[in-house]
Structure formats: structure tokens, C-alpha cells
PDB file of N, CA and C in Angstrom:
ATOM      1  N   UNK A   1      55.019  96.883 121.459  1.00  0.00           N
ATOM      2  CA  UNK A   1      54.493  95.604 121.050  1.00  0.00           C
ATOM      3  C   UNK A   1      54.768  95.446 119.552  1.00  0.00           C
ATOM      4  N   UNK A   2      55.241  94.293 119.187  1.00  0.00           N
ATOM      5  CA  UNK A   2      55.561  94.054 117.783  1.00  0.00           C
ATOM      6  C   UNK A   2      54.282  93.866 116.966  1.00  0.00           C
ATOM      7  N   UNK A   3      54.416  93.986 115.678  1.00  0.00           N
ATOM      8  CA  UNK A   3      53.262  93.798 114.792  1.00  0.00           C
ATOM      9  C   UNK A   3      52.739  92.372 114.885  1.00  0.00           C
ATOM     10  N   UNK A   4      53.643  91.423 115.001  1.00  0.00           N
ATOM     11  CA  UNK A   4      53.242  90.023 115.091  1.00  0.00           C
ATOM     12  C   UNK A   4      52.421  89.779 116.352  1.00  0.00           C
ATOM     13  N   UNK A   5      52.860  90.316 117.478  1.00  0.00           N
ATOM     14  CA  UNK A   5      52.122  90.150 118.733  1.00  0.00           C
ATOM     15  C   UNK A   5      50.749  90.800 118.632  1.00  0.00           C
ATOM     16  N   UNK A   6      50.680  91.980 118.046  1.00  0.00           N
ATOM     17  CA  UNK A   6      49.394  92.668 117.883  1.00  0.00           C
ATOM     18  C   UNK A   6      48.470  91.868 116.977  1.00  0.00           C
ATOM     19  N   UNK A   7      49.020  91.294 115.909  1.00  0.00           N
ATOM     20  CA  UNK A   7      48.224  90.485 114.993  1.00  0.00           C
ATOM     21  C   UNK A   7      47.697  89.234 115.689  1.00  0.00           C
ATOM     22  N   UNK A   8      48.533  88.575 116.482  1.00  0.00           N
ATOM     23  CA  UNK A   8      48.102  87.379 117.206  1.00  0.00           C
ATOM     24  C   UNK A   8      46.989  87.698 118.195  1.00  0.00           C
ATOM     25  N   UNK A   9      47.088  88.814 118.894  1.00  0.00           N
ATOM     26  CA  UNK A   9      46.035  89.215 119.832  1.00  0.00           C
ATOM     27  C   UNK A   9      44.744  89.483 119.072  1.00  0.00           C
ATOM     28  N   UNK A  10      44.832  90.168 117.933  1.00  0.00           N
ATOM     29  CA  UNK A  10      43.658  90.468 117.117  1.00  0.00           C
ATOM     30  C   UNK A  10      42.990  89.178 116.637  1.00  0.00           C
ATOM     31  N   UNK A  11      43.789  88.217 116.172  1.00  0.00           N
ATOM     32  CA  UNK A  11      43.259  86.938 115.693  1.00  0.00           C
ATOM     33  C   UNK A  11      42.599  86.170 116.835  1.00  0.00           C
ATOM     34  N   UNK A  12      43.203  86.159 118.011  1.00  0.00           N
ATOM     35  CA  UNK A  12      42.637  85.444 119.159  1.00  0.00           C
ATOM     36  C   UNK A  12      41.303  86.048 119.574  1.00  0.00           C
ATOM     37  N   UNK A  13      41.210  87.367 119.603  1.00  0.00           N
ATOM     38  CA  UNK A  13      39.947  88.021 119.970  1.00  0.00           C
ATOM     39  C   UNK A  13      38.892  87.749 118.907  1.00  0.00           C
ATOM     40  N   UNK A  14      39.264  87.811 117.648  1.00  0.00           N
ATOM     41  CA  UNK A  14      38.326  87.535 116.560  1.00  0.00           C
ATOM     42  C   UNK A  14      37.810  86.114 116.603  1.00  0.00           C
ATOM     43  N   UNK A  15      38.677  85.166 116.915  1.00  0.00           N
ATOM     44  CA  UNK A  15      38.258  83.767 117.006  1.00  0.00           C
ATOM     45  C   UNK A  15      37.304  83.559 118.167  1.00  0.00           C
ATOM     46  N   UNK A  16      37.534  84.235 119.272  1.00  0.00           N
ATOM     47  CA  UNK A  16      36.641  84.107 120.426  1.00  0.00           C
ATOM     48  C   UNK A  16      35.274  84.692 120.119  1.00  0.00           C
ATOM     49  N   UNK A  17      35.239  85.793 119.391  1.00  0.00           N
ATOM     50  CA  UNK A  17      33.961  86.414 119.055  1.00  0.00           C
ATOM     51  C   UNK A  17      33.206  85.619 118.003  1.00  0.00           C
ATOM     52  N   UNK A  18      33.900  84.917 117.141  1.00  0.00           N
ATOM     53  CA  UNK A  18      33.267  84.182 116.059  1.00  0.00           C
ATOM     54  C   UNK A  18      32.992  82.725 116.421  1.00  0.00           C
ATOM     55  N   UNK A  19      33.072  82.389 117.690  1.00  0.00           N
ATOM     56  CA  UNK A  19      32.832  81.014 118.120  1.00  0.00           C
ATOM     57  C   UNK A  19      31.393  80.617 117.802  1.00  0.00           C
ATOM     58  N   UNK A  20      31.156  79.359 117.407  1.00  0.00           N
ATOM     59  CA  UNK A  20      29.802  78.929 117.083  1.00  0.00           C
ATOM     60  C   UNK A  20      28.906  78.931 118.314  1.00  0.00           C
ATOM     61  N   UNK A  21      27.604  78.839 118.057  1.00  0.00           N
ATOM     62  CA  UNK A  21      26.646  78.821 119.157  1.00  0.00           C
ATOM     63  C   UNK A  21      26.854  77.604 120.030  1.00  0.00           C
ATOM     64  N   UNK A  22      26.604  77.762 121.299  1.00  0.00           N
ATOM     65  CA  UNK A  22      26.724  76.654 122.237  1.00  0.00           C
ATOM     66  C   UNK A  22      25.549  76.729 123.197  1.00  0.00           C
ATOM     67  N   UNK A  23      24.778  75.657 123.269  1.00  0.00           N
ATOM     68  CA  UNK A  23      23.668  75.588 124.211  1.00  0.00           C
ATOM     69  C   UNK A  23      24.236  75.135 125.542  1.00  0.00           C
ATOM     70  N   UNK A  24      24.028  75.923 126.586  1.00  0.00           N
ATOM     71  CA  UNK A  24      24.521  75.564 127.914  1.00  0.00           C
ATOM     72  C   UNK A  24      23.607  74.543 128.566  1.00  0.00           C
ATOM     73  N   UNK A  25      22.305  74.793 128.526  1.00  0.00           N
ATOM     74  CA  UNK A  25      21.360  73.824 129.059  1.00  0.00           C
ATOM     75  C   UNK A  25      19.987  74.036 128.466  1.00  0.00           C
ATOM     76  N   UNK A  26      19.152  73.011 128.613  1.00  0.00           N
ATOM     77  CA  UNK A  26      17.758  73.057 128.205  1.00  0.00           C
ATOM     78  C   UNK A  26      16.962  72.805 129.464  1.00  0.00           C
ATOM     79  N   UNK A  27      16.059  73.698 129.816  1.00  0.00           N
ATOM     80  CA  UNK A  27      15.215  73.556 131.005  1.00  0.00           C
ATOM     81  C   UNK A  27      15.995  73.431 132.296  1.00  0.00           C
ATOM     82  N   UNK A  28      16.888  74.099 132.598  1.00  0.00           N
ATOM     83  CA  UNK A  28      17.728  74.166 133.798  1.00  0.00           C
ATOM     84  C   UNK A  28      17.568  73.028 134.785  1.00  0.00           C
ATOM     85  N   UNK A  29      18.397  72.128 134.954  1.00  0.00           N
ATOM     86  CA  UNK A  29      19.372  71.682 133.972  1.00  0.00           C
ATOM     87  C   UNK A  29      18.991  70.307 133.448  1.00  0.00           C
ATOM     88  N   UNK A  30      18.687  70.175 132.193  1.00  0.00           N
ATOM     89  CA  UNK A  30      18.479  68.884 131.551  1.00  0.00           C
ATOM     90  C   UNK A  30      19.777  68.559 130.819  1.00  0.00           C
ATOM     91  N   UNK A  31      20.310  67.369 131.009  1.00  0.00           N
ATOM     92  CA  UNK A  31      21.565  67.048 130.329  1.00  0.00           C
ATOM     93  C   UNK A  31      21.419  67.166 128.811  1.00  0.00           C
ATOM     94  N   UNK A  32      22.329  67.860 128.182  1.00  0.00           N
ATOM     95  CA  UNK A  32      22.349  68.000 126.733  1.00  0.00           C
ATOM     96  C   UNK A  32      23.556  67.218 126.242  1.00  0.00           C
ATOM     97  N   UNK A  33      23.291  66.213 125.404  1.00  0.00           N
ATOM     98  CA  UNK A  33      24.377  65.383 124.893  1.00  0.00           C
ATOM     99  C   UNK A  33      24.715  65.806 123.474  1.00  0.00           C
ATOM    100  N   UNK A  34      25.978  65.794 123.160  1.00  0.00           N
ATOM    101  CA  UNK A  34      26.429  66.134 121.815  1.00  0.00           C
ATOM    102  C   UNK A  34      26.234  64.934 120.914  1.00  0.00           C
ATOM    103  N   UNK A  35      25.776  65.172 119.703  1.00  0.00           N
ATOM    104  CA  UNK A  35      25.555  64.112 118.734  1.00  0.00           C
ATOM    105  C   UNK A  35      26.819  63.926 117.898  1.00  0.00           C
ATOM    106  N   UNK A  36      27.563  62.888 118.167  1.00  0.00           N
ATOM    107  CA  UNK A  36      28.798  62.643 117.431  1.00  0.00           C
ATOM    108  C   UNK A  36      29.845  63.698 117.733  1.00  0.00           C
ATOM    109  N   UNK A  37      30.524  64.149 116.695  1.00  0.00           N
ATOM    110  CA  UNK A  37      31.575  65.150 116.885  1.00  0.00           C
ATOM    111  C   UNK A  37      31.111  66.552 116.530  1.00  0.00           C
ATOM    112  N   UNK A  38      29.882  66.700 116.065  1.00  0.00           N
ATOM    113  CA  UNK A  38      29.368  68.003 115.652  1.00  0.00           C
ATOM    114  C   UNK A  38      28.745  68.722 116.841  1.00  0.00           C
ATOM    115  N   UNK A  39      29.387  69.788 117.294  1.00  0.00           N
ATOM    116  CA  UNK A  39      28.900  70.551 118.440  1.00  0.00           C
ATOM    117  C   UNK A  39      27.644  71.337 118.154  1.00  0.00           C
ATOM    118  N   UNK A  40      27.247  71.423 116.885  1.00  0.00           N
ATOM    119  CA  UNK A  40      26.038  72.164 116.526  1.00  0.00           C
ATOM    120  C   UNK A  40      24.805  71.267 116.512  1.00  0.00           C
ATOM    121  N   UNK A  41      24.971  69.993 116.836  1.00  0.00           N
ATOM    122  CA  UNK A  41      23.842  69.062 116.895  1.00  0.00           C
ATOM    123  C   UNK A  41      23.812  68.444 118.285  1.00  0.00           C
ATOM    124  N   UNK A  42      22.737  68.689 119.008  1.00  0.00           N
ATOM    125  CA  UNK A  42      22.626  68.242 120.390  1.00  0.00           C
ATOM    126  C   UNK A  42      21.350  67.447 120.594  1.00  0.00           C
ATOM    127  N   UNK A  43      21.315  66.670 121.677  1.00  0.00           N
ATOM    128  CA  UNK A  43      20.126  65.903 122.047  1.00  0.00           C
ATOM    129  C   UNK A  43      19.751  66.275 123.472  1.00  0.00           C
ATOM    130  N   UNK A  44      18.478  66.640 123.675  1.00  0.00           N
ATOM    131  CA  UNK A  44      17.974  66.959 125.013  1.00  0.00           C
ATOM    132  C   UNK A  44      16.817  66.026 125.323  1.00  0.00           C
ATOM    133  N   UNK A  45      16.894  65.327 126.445  1.00  0.00           N
ATOM    134  CA  UNK A  45      15.820  64.438 126.883  1.00  0.00           C
ATOM    135  C   UNK A  45      15.082  65.161 128.001  1.00  0.00           C
ATOM    136  N   UNK A  46      13.777  65.416 127.769  1.00  0.00           N
ATOM    137  CA  UNK A  46      13.001  66.220 128.713  1.00  0.00           C
ATOM    138  C   UNK A  46      11.920  65.380 129.383  1.00  0.00           C
ATOM    139  N   UNK A  47      11.423  65.794 130.557  1.00  0.00           N
ATOM    140  CA  UNK A  47      10.327  65.086 131.222  1.00  0.00           C
ATOM    141  C   UNK A  47       9.066  65.092 130.360  1.00  0.00           C
ATOM    142  N   UNK A  48       8.235  64.061 130.500  1.00  0.00           N
ATOM    143  CA  UNK A  48       7.065  63.905 129.638  1.00  0.00           C
ATOM    144  C   UNK A  48       6.016  64.998 129.813  1.00  0.00           C
ATOM    145  N   UNK A  49       5.937  65.622 130.959  1.00  0.00           N
ATOM    146  CA  UNK A  49       4.905  66.637 131.193  1.00  0.00           C
ATOM    147  C   UNK A  49       5.397  68.061 130.928  1.00  0.00           C
ATOM    148  N   UNK A  50       6.458  68.218 130.185  1.00  0.00           N
ATOM    149  CA  UNK A  50       7.039  69.533 129.916  1.00  0.00           C
ATOM    150  C   UNK A  50       6.163  70.316 128.946  1.00  0.00           C
ATOM    151  N   UNK A  51       5.814  71.548 129.328  1.00  0.00           N
ATOM    152  CA  UNK A  51       5.023  72.406 128.448  1.00  0.00           C
ATOM    153  C   UNK A  51       5.823  73.601 127.946  1.00  0.00           C
ATOM    154  N   UNK A  52       6.920  73.927 128.604  1.00  0.00           N
ATOM    155  CA  UNK A  52       7.765  75.046 128.188  1.00  0.00           C
ATOM    156  C   UNK A  52       9.192  74.552 128.023  1.00  0.00           C
ATOM    157  N   UNK A  53       9.768  74.893 126.896  1.00  0.00           N
ATOM    158  CA  UNK A  53      11.145  74.519 126.607  1.00  0.00           C
ATOM    159  C   UNK A  53      11.988  75.783 126.653  1.00  0.00           C
ATOM    160  N   UNK A  54      13.067  75.753 127.412  1.00  0.00           N
ATOM    161  CA  UNK A  54      13.959  76.901 127.542  1.00  0.00           C
ATOM    162  C   UNK A  54      15.351  76.478 127.089  1.00  0.00           C
ATOM    163  N   UNK A  55      15.875  77.184 126.091  1.00  0.00           N
ATOM    164  CA  UNK A  55      17.235  76.945 125.621  1.00  0.00           C
ATOM    165  C   UNK A  55      18.103  78.094 126.105  1.00  0.00           C
ATOM    166  N   UNK A  56      19.165  77.799 126.838  1.00  0.00           N
ATOM    167  CA  UNK A  56      20.075  78.818 127.362  1.00  0.00           C
ATOM    168  C   UNK A  56      21.374  78.726 126.579  1.00  0.00           C
ATOM    169  N   UNK A  57      21.737  79.815 125.916  1.00  0.00           N
ATOM    170  CA  UNK A  57      22.958  79.865 125.120  1.00  0.00           C
ATOM    171  C   UNK A  57      24.087  80.496 125.916  1.00  0.00           C
ATOM    172  N   UNK A  58      25.312  80.279 125.447  1.00  0.00           N
ATOM    173  CA  UNK A  58      26.487  80.814 126.136  1.00  0.00           C
ATOM    174  C   UNK A  58      26.699  82.297 125.885  1.00  0.00           C
ATOM    175  N   UNK A  59      25.978  82.859 124.914  1.00  0.00           N
ATOM    176  CA  UNK A  59      26.096  84.291 124.615  1.00  0.00           C
ATOM    177  C   UNK A  59      24.762  84.779 124.055  1.00  0.00           C
ATOM    178  N   UNK A  60      24.489  86.066 124.149  1.00  0.00           N
ATOM    179  CA  UNK A  60      23.243  86.596 123.582  1.00  0.00           C
ATOM    180  C   UNK A  60      23.224  86.440 122.060  1.00  0.00           C
ATOM    181  N   UNK A  61      22.059  86.034 121.538  1.00  0.00           N
ATOM    182  CA  UNK A  61      21.889  85.873 120.093  1.00  0.00           C
ATOM    183  C   UNK A  61      20.587  86.541 119.667  1.00  0.00           C
ATOM    184  N   UNK A  62      20.469  86.806 118.387  1.00  0.00           N
ATOM    185  CA  UNK A  62      19.234  87.288 117.789  1.00  0.00           C
ATOM    186  C   UNK A  62      18.591  86.048 117.172  1.00  0.00           C
ATOM    187  N   UNK A  63      17.769  85.352 117.960  1.00  0.00           N
ATOM    188  CA  UNK A  63      17.278  84.020 117.611  1.00  0.00           C
ATOM    189  C   UNK A  63      16.286  84.042 116.452  1.00  0.00           C
ATOM    190  N   UNK A  64      16.550  83.180 115.491  1.00  0.00           N
ATOM    191  CA  UNK A  64      15.643  82.911 114.380  1.00  0.00           C
ATOM    192  C   UNK A  64      15.421  81.400 114.390  1.00  0.00           C
ATOM    193  N   UNK A  65      14.172  80.982 114.558  1.00  0.00           N
ATOM    194  CA  UNK A  65      13.863  79.556 114.655  1.00  0.00           C
ATOM    195  C   UNK A  65      13.281  79.082 113.331  1.00  0.00           C
ATOM    196  N   UNK A  66      13.830  77.975 112.819  1.00  0.00           N
ATOM    197  CA  UNK A  66      13.325  77.393 111.580  1.00  0.00           C
ATOM    198  C   UNK A  66      11.994  76.719 111.885  1.00  0.00           C
ATOM    199  N   UNK A  67      10.960  77.153 111.195  1.00  0.00           N
ATOM    200  CA  UNK A  67       9.617  76.646 111.467  1.00  0.00           C
ATOM    201  C   UNK A  67       9.267  75.525 110.491  1.00  0.00           C
ATOM    202  N   UNK A  68       9.695  74.323 110.817  1.00  0.00           N
ATOM    203  CA  UNK A  68       9.374  73.151 110.013  1.00  0.00           C
ATOM    204  C   UNK A  68       7.982  72.662 110.394  1.00  0.00           C
ATOM    205  N   UNK A  69       7.457  71.700 109.646  1.00  0.00           N
ATOM    206  CA  UNK A  69       6.133  71.153 109.941  1.00  0.00           C
ATOM    207  C   UNK A  69       6.122  70.474 111.309  1.00  0.00           C
ATOM    208  N   UNK A  70       7.185  69.723 111.625  1.00  0.00           N
ATOM    209  CA  UNK A  70       7.224  69.037 112.925  1.00  0.00           C
ATOM    210  C   UNK A  70       7.347  70.037 114.078  1.00  0.00           C
ATOM    211  N   UNK A  71       8.095  71.125 113.865  1.00  0.00           N
ATOM    212  CA  UNK A  71       8.205  72.162 114.896  1.00  0.00           C
ATOM    213  C   UNK A  71       6.851  72.830 115.107  1.00  0.00           C
ATOM    214  N   UNK A  72       6.177  73.206 114.018  1.00  0.00           N
ATOM    215  CA  UNK A  72       4.880  73.890 114.114  1.00  0.00           C
ATOM    216  C   UNK A  72       3.815  73.010 114.751  1.00  0.00           C
ATOM    217  N   UNK A  73       3.916  71.688 114.586  1.00  0.00           N
ATOM    218  CA  UNK A  73       2.955  70.777 115.202  1.00  0.00           C
ATOM    219  C   UNK A  73       3.199  70.625 116.698  1.00  0.00           C
ATOM    220  N   UNK A  74       4.424  70.868 117.145  1.00  0.00           N
ATOM    221  CA  UNK A  74       4.777  70.651 118.551  1.00  0.00           C
ATOM    222  C   UNK A  74       4.818  71.930 119.383  1.00  0.00           C
ATOM    223  N   UNK A  75       5.162  73.070 118.766  1.00  0.00           N
ATOM    224  CA  UNK A  75       5.362  74.311 119.517  1.00  0.00           C
ATOM    225  C   UNK A  75       4.594  75.475 118.911  1.00  0.00           C
ATOM    226  N   UNK A  76       4.205  76.417 119.773  1.00  0.00           N
ATOM    227  CA  UNK A  76       3.595  77.658 119.305  1.00  0.00           C
ATOM    228  C   UNK A  76       4.671  78.495 118.627  1.00  0.00           C
ATOM    229  N   UNK A  77       4.252  79.324 117.673  1.00  0.00           N
ATOM    230  CA  UNK A  77       5.192  80.203 116.977  1.00  0.00           C
ATOM    231  C   UNK A  77       5.677  81.273 117.945  1.00  0.00           C
ATOM    232  N   UNK A  78       6.985  81.310 118.240  1.00  0.00           N
ATOM    233  CA  UNK A  78       7.493  82.306 119.186  1.00  0.00           C
ATOM    234  C   UNK A  78       7.599  83.706 118.590  1.00  0.00           C
ATOM    235  N   UNK A  79       7.431  83.829 117.286  1.00  0.00           N
ATOM    236  CA  UNK A  79       7.587  85.128 116.632  1.00  0.00           C
ATOM    237  C   UNK A  79       9.056  85.462 116.464  1.00  0.00           C
ATOM    238  N   UNK A  80       9.301  86.555 115.803  1.00  0.00           N
ATOM    239  CA  UNK A  80      10.683  86.981 115.554  1.00  0.00           C
ATOM    240  C   UNK A  80      11.241  87.701 116.774  1.00  0.00           C
ATOM    241  N   UNK A  81      12.470  87.393 117.110  1.00  0.00           N
ATOM    242  CA  UNK A  81      13.127  88.066 118.236  1.00  0.00           C
ATOM    243  C   UNK A  81      13.449  89.501 117.837  1.00  0.00           C
ATOM    244  N   UNK A  82      13.121  90.431 118.723  1.00  0.00           N
ATOM    245  CA  UNK A  82      13.382  91.842 118.414  1.00  0.00           C
ATOM    246  C   UNK A  82      14.703  92.323 119.011  1.00  0.00           C
ATOM    247  N   UNK A  83      15.225  91.565 119.985  1.00  0.00           N
ATOM    248  CA  UNK A  83      16.503  91.946 120.584  1.00  0.00           C
ATOM    249  C   UNK A  83      17.290  90.692 120.930  1.00  0.00           C
ATOM    250  N   UNK A  84      18.569  90.876 121.154  1.00  0.00           N
ATOM    251  CA  UNK A  84      19.433  89.747 121.488  1.00  0.00           C
ATOM    252  C   UNK A  84      19.156  89.259 122.904  1.00  0.00           C
ATOM    253  N   UNK A  85      19.213  87.949 123.077  1.00  0.00           N
ATOM    254  CA  UNK A  85      19.030  87.338 124.386  1.00  0.00           C
ATOM    255  C   UNK A  85      19.787  86.017 124.394  1.00  0.00           C
ATOM    256  N   UNK A  86      20.186  85.575 125.570  1.00  0.00           N
ATOM    257  CA  UNK A  86      20.853  84.277 125.673  1.00  0.00           C
ATOM    258  C   UNK A  86      19.857  83.171 126.001  1.00  0.00           C
ATOM    259  N   UNK A  87      18.561  83.524 126.100  1.00  0.00           N
ATOM    260  CA  UNK A  87      17.516  82.557 126.427  1.00  0.00           C
ATOM    261  C   UNK A  87      16.458  82.556 125.322  1.00  0.00           C
ATOM    262  N   UNK A  88      16.057  81.352 124.879  1.00  0.00           N
ATOM    263  CA  UNK A  88      14.968  81.192 123.921  1.00  0.00           C
ATOM    264  C   UNK A  88      13.909  80.334 124.602  1.00  0.00           C
ATOM    265  N   UNK A  89      12.676  80.852 124.687  1.00  0.00           N
ATOM    266  CA  UNK A  89      11.573  80.127 125.333  1.00  0.00           C
ATOM    267  C   UNK A  89      10.580  79.659 124.278  1.00  0.00           C
ATOM    268  N   UNK A  90      10.181  78.394 124.382  1.00  0.00           N
ATOM    269  CA  UNK A  90       9.199  77.823 123.467  1.00  0.00           C
ATOM    270  C   UNK A  90       8.070  77.197 124.271  1.00  0.00           C
ATOM    271  N   UNK A  91       6.831  77.433 123.848  1.00  0.00           N
ATOM    272  CA  UNK A  91       5.660  76.842 124.496  1.00  0.00           C
ATOM    273  C   UNK A  91       5.196  75.647 123.672  1.00  0.00           C
ATOM    274  N   UNK A  92       5.045  74.495 124.327  1.00  0.00           N
ATOM    275  CA  UNK A  92       4.593  73.289 123.641  1.00  0.00           C
ATOM    276  C   UNK A  92       3.086  73.347 123.430  1.00  0.00           C
ATOM    277  N   UNK A  93       2.638  72.763 122.326  1.00  0.00           N
ATOM    278  CA  UNK A  93       1.205  72.616 122.073  1.00  0.00           C
ATOM    279  C   UNK A  93       0.851  71.230 122.591  1.00  0.00           C
ATOM    280  N   UNK A  94       0.299  71.151 123.784  1.00  0.00           N
ATOM    281  CA  UNK A  94       0.008  69.864 124.390  1.00  0.00           C
ATOM    282  C   UNK A  94       1.276  69.172 124.849  1.00  0.00           C
ATOM    283  N   UNK A  95       1.224  67.855 124.914  1.00  0.00           N
ATOM    284  CA  UNK A  95       2.365  67.064 125.370  1.00  0.00           C
ATOM    285  C   UNK A  95       3.147  66.561 124.166  1.00  0.00           C
ATOM    286  N   UNK A  96       4.461  66.625 124.231  1.00  0.00           N
ATOM    287  CA  UNK A  96       5.285  66.149 123.121  1.00  0.00           C
ATOM    288  C   UNK A  96       5.186  64.634 123.026  1.00  0.00           C
ATOM    289  N   UNK A  97       4.806  64.152 121.857  1.00  0.00           N
ATOM    290  CA  UNK A  97       4.663  62.713 121.644  1.00  0.00           C
ATOM    291  C   UNK A  97       5.855  62.135 120.884  1.00  0.00           C
ATOM    292  N   UNK A  98       6.426  62.936 119.986  1.00  0.00           N
ATOM    293  CA  UNK A  98       7.519  62.472 119.134  1.00  0.00           C
ATOM    294  C   UNK A  98       8.712  63.400 119.268  1.00  0.00           C
ATOM    295  N   UNK A  99       9.895  62.908 118.925  1.00  0.00           N
ATOM    296  CA  UNK A  99      11.074  63.782 118.931  1.00  0.00           C
ATOM    297  C   UNK A  99      10.908  64.929 117.929  1.00  0.00           C
ATOM    298  N   UNK A 100      11.407  66.096 118.307  1.00  0.00           N
ATOM    299  CA  UNK A 100      11.302  67.290 117.467  1.00  0.00           C
ATOM    300  C   UNK A 100      12.688  67.926 117.360  1.00  0.00           C
ATOM    301  N   UNK A 101      13.050  68.326 116.161  1.00  0.00           N
ATOM    302  CA  UNK A 101      14.308  69.045 115.968  1.00  0.00           C
ATOM    303  C   UNK A 101      14.014  70.537 116.011  1.00  0.00           C
ATOM    304  N   UNK A 102      14.693  71.234 116.922  1.00  0.00           N
ATOM    305  CA  UNK A 102      14.565  72.683 117.036  1.00  0.00           C
ATOM    306  C   UNK A 102      15.850  73.285 116.469  1.00  0.00           C
ATOM    307  N   UNK A 103      15.707  74.004 115.361  1.00  0.00           N
ATOM    308  CA  UNK A 103      16.856  74.644 114.707  1.00  0.00           C
ATOM    309  C   UNK A 103      16.841  76.127 115.028  1.00  0.00           C
ATOM    310  N   UNK A 104      17.893  76.599 115.688  1.00  0.00           N
ATOM    311  CA  UNK A 104      18.001  78.007 116.065  1.00  0.00           C
ATOM    312  C   UNK A 104      19.209  78.595 115.354  1.00  0.00           C
ATOM    313  N   UNK A 105      18.989  79.742 114.716  1.00  0.00           N
ATOM    314  CA  UNK A 105      20.060  80.433 113.999  1.00  0.00           C
ATOM    315  C   UNK A 105      20.185  81.840 114.558  1.00  0.00           C
ATOM    316  N   UNK A 106      21.412  82.292 114.705  1.00  0.00           N
ATOM    317  CA  UNK A 106      21.658  83.666 115.139  1.00  0.00           C
ATOM    318  C   UNK A 106      21.505  84.559 113.915  1.00  0.00           C
ATOM    319  N   UNK A 107      20.498  85.439 113.935  1.00  0.00           N
ATOM    320  CA  UNK A 107      20.231  86.314 112.807  1.00  0.00           C
ATOM    321  C   UNK A 107      21.336  87.312 112.540  1.00  0.00           C
ATOM    322  N   UNK A 108      22.198  87.502 113.507  1.00  0.00           N
ATOM    323  CA  UNK A 108      23.279  88.478 113.369  1.00  0.00           C
ATOM    324  C   UNK A 108      24.542  87.854 112.768  1.00  0.00           C
ATOM    325  N   UNK A 109      24.945  86.698 113.282  1.00  0.00           N
ATOM    326  CA  UNK A 109      26.202  86.077 112.843  1.00  0.00           C
ATOM    327  C   UNK A 109      26.005  84.931 111.860  1.00  0.00           C
ATOM    328  N   UNK A 110      24.811  84.352 111.821  1.00  0.00           N
ATOM    329  CA  UNK A 110      24.563  83.217 110.947  1.00  0.00           C
ATOM    330  C   UNK A 110      24.899  81.883 111.577  1.00  0.00           C
ATOM    331  N   UNK A 111      25.455  81.873 112.788  1.00  0.00           N
ATOM    332  CA  UNK A 111      25.746  80.618 113.484  1.00  0.00           C
ATOM    333  C   UNK A 111      24.429  79.904 113.779  1.00  0.00           C
ATOM    334  N   UNK A 112      24.464  78.575 113.765  1.00  0.00           N
ATOM    335  CA  UNK A 112      23.238  77.813 113.987  1.00  0.00           C
ATOM    336  C   UNK A 112      23.511  76.601 114.861  1.00  0.00           C
ATOM    337  N   UNK A 113      22.451  76.133 115.499  1.00  0.00           N
ATOM    338  CA  UNK A 113      22.527  74.926 116.314  1.00  0.00           C
ATOM    339  C   UNK A 113      21.199  74.191 116.170  1.00  0.00           C
ATOM    340  N   UNK A 114      21.270  72.862 116.191  1.00  0.00           N
ATOM    341  CA  UNK A 114      20.069  72.028 116.152  1.00  0.00           C
ATOM    342  C   UNK A 114      20.021  71.216 117.432  1.00  0.00           C
ATOM    343  N   UNK A 115      18.842  71.202 118.062  1.00  0.00           N
ATOM    344  CA  UNK A 115      18.649  70.429 119.283  1.00  0.00           C
ATOM    345  C   UNK A 115      17.519  69.442 119.030  1.00  0.00           C
ATOM    346  N   UNK A 116      17.815  68.153 119.154  1.00  0.00           N
ATOM    347  CA  UNK A 116      16.789  67.127 119.063  1.00  0.00           C
ATOM    348  C   UNK A 116      16.172  67.001 120.446  1.00  0.00           C
ATOM    349  N   UNK A 117      14.880  67.316 120.551  1.00  0.00           N
ATOM    350  CA  UNK A 117      14.183  67.266 121.834  1.00  0.00           C
ATOM    351  C   UNK A 117      13.371  65.980 121.874  1.00  0.00           C
ATOM    352  N   UNK A 118      13.685  65.125 122.845  1.00  0.00           N
ATOM    353  CA  UNK A 118      12.978  63.852 123.015  1.00  0.00           C
ATOM    354  C   UNK A 118      12.392  63.797 124.408  1.00  0.00           C
ATOM    355  N   UNK A 119      11.256  63.121 124.531  1.00  0.00           N
ATOM    356  CA  UNK A 119      10.641  62.908 125.837  1.00  0.00           C
ATOM    357  C   UNK A 119      11.271  61.667 126.449  1.00  0.00           C
ATOM    358  N   UNK A 120      11.592  61.759 127.754  1.00  0.00           N
ATOM    359  CA  UNK A 120      12.216  60.619 128.422  1.00  0.00           C
ATOM    360  C   UNK A 120      11.271  59.428 128.431  1.00  0.00           C
ATOM    361  N   UNK A 121      11.844  58.257 128.285  1.00  0.00           N
ATOM    362  CA  UNK A 121      11.059  57.025 128.298  1.00  0.00           C
ATOM    363  C   UNK A 121      10.833  56.607 129.733  1.00  0.00           C
ATOM    364  N   UNK A 122       9.588  56.261 130.047  1.00  0.00           N
ATOM    365  CA  UNK A 122       9.273  55.806 131.410  1.00  0.00           C
ATOM    366  C   UNK A 122       9.739  54.375 131.583  1.00  0.00           C
ATOM    367  N   UNK A 123      10.388  54.149 132.695  1.00  0.00           N
ATOM    368  CA  UNK A 123      10.925  52.802 132.947  1.00  0.00           C
ATOM    369  C   UNK A 123       9.904  51.925 133.601  1.00  0.00           C
TER     370      UNK A 123
END
């Protein structure tokens, strides 16, 4: 194998490993829409009576959640993740009344994703 071929294989594997976070689904399966062209910003519309939010990622991460005032008002503190997992579970404090941005960062790679969680409007 030539050096060029070996280098190309190395670059391809490195790019696959360094891919940004991708949320596969929220609450199996709630449609997750991409916000504009930025794949790190998503919108999830959930049922009004939802008490548990589950984010499923495409790969295991060491989840670190940004605890903003709006997040703390809507969800219980999940604590720090001690091991990698592809699932992040959040417990709601009561019923969600307003949209909440959930920011999840991989403590290992630094990749991050933001999910705007909105309650579906009743027709």
C-alpha cells in the first residue's frame, strides 16, 4: 500500500471519529427537525403531558448538560455523567409550559448540540 493510500485511509477514519454529535431521536420517535443549515441546532416537538425527555445520540458520549436558568426551571438536575452513553434522560419538573433549550456537550470530545424542546400545540 502506498503512503498516499495509507494517509487517505487514516484521514477518512479520523474524520469519521471526529464527526459532530447527532441526535437520532427524542422520546422514541418524536420528529427532530434541523434548524436551518446548522446540524447542531435541532427542534423537538413533544406531547404536552411528557414528564421524561430522552435524547438518543448516534454514538456514546460523556454528557455534560448546560444548566441555564430556563433548563433548571423545567428539568431536574441529572448530575454529571460518570460513563459514556448514547442516551441522556431528563425528568421534567411538572408540565413544560414554555420552550426550553437543552444544550448537551460531550465532555470527552467537546462536540455540542442544542435541542429546542417545545410542547405541541393542541388543535
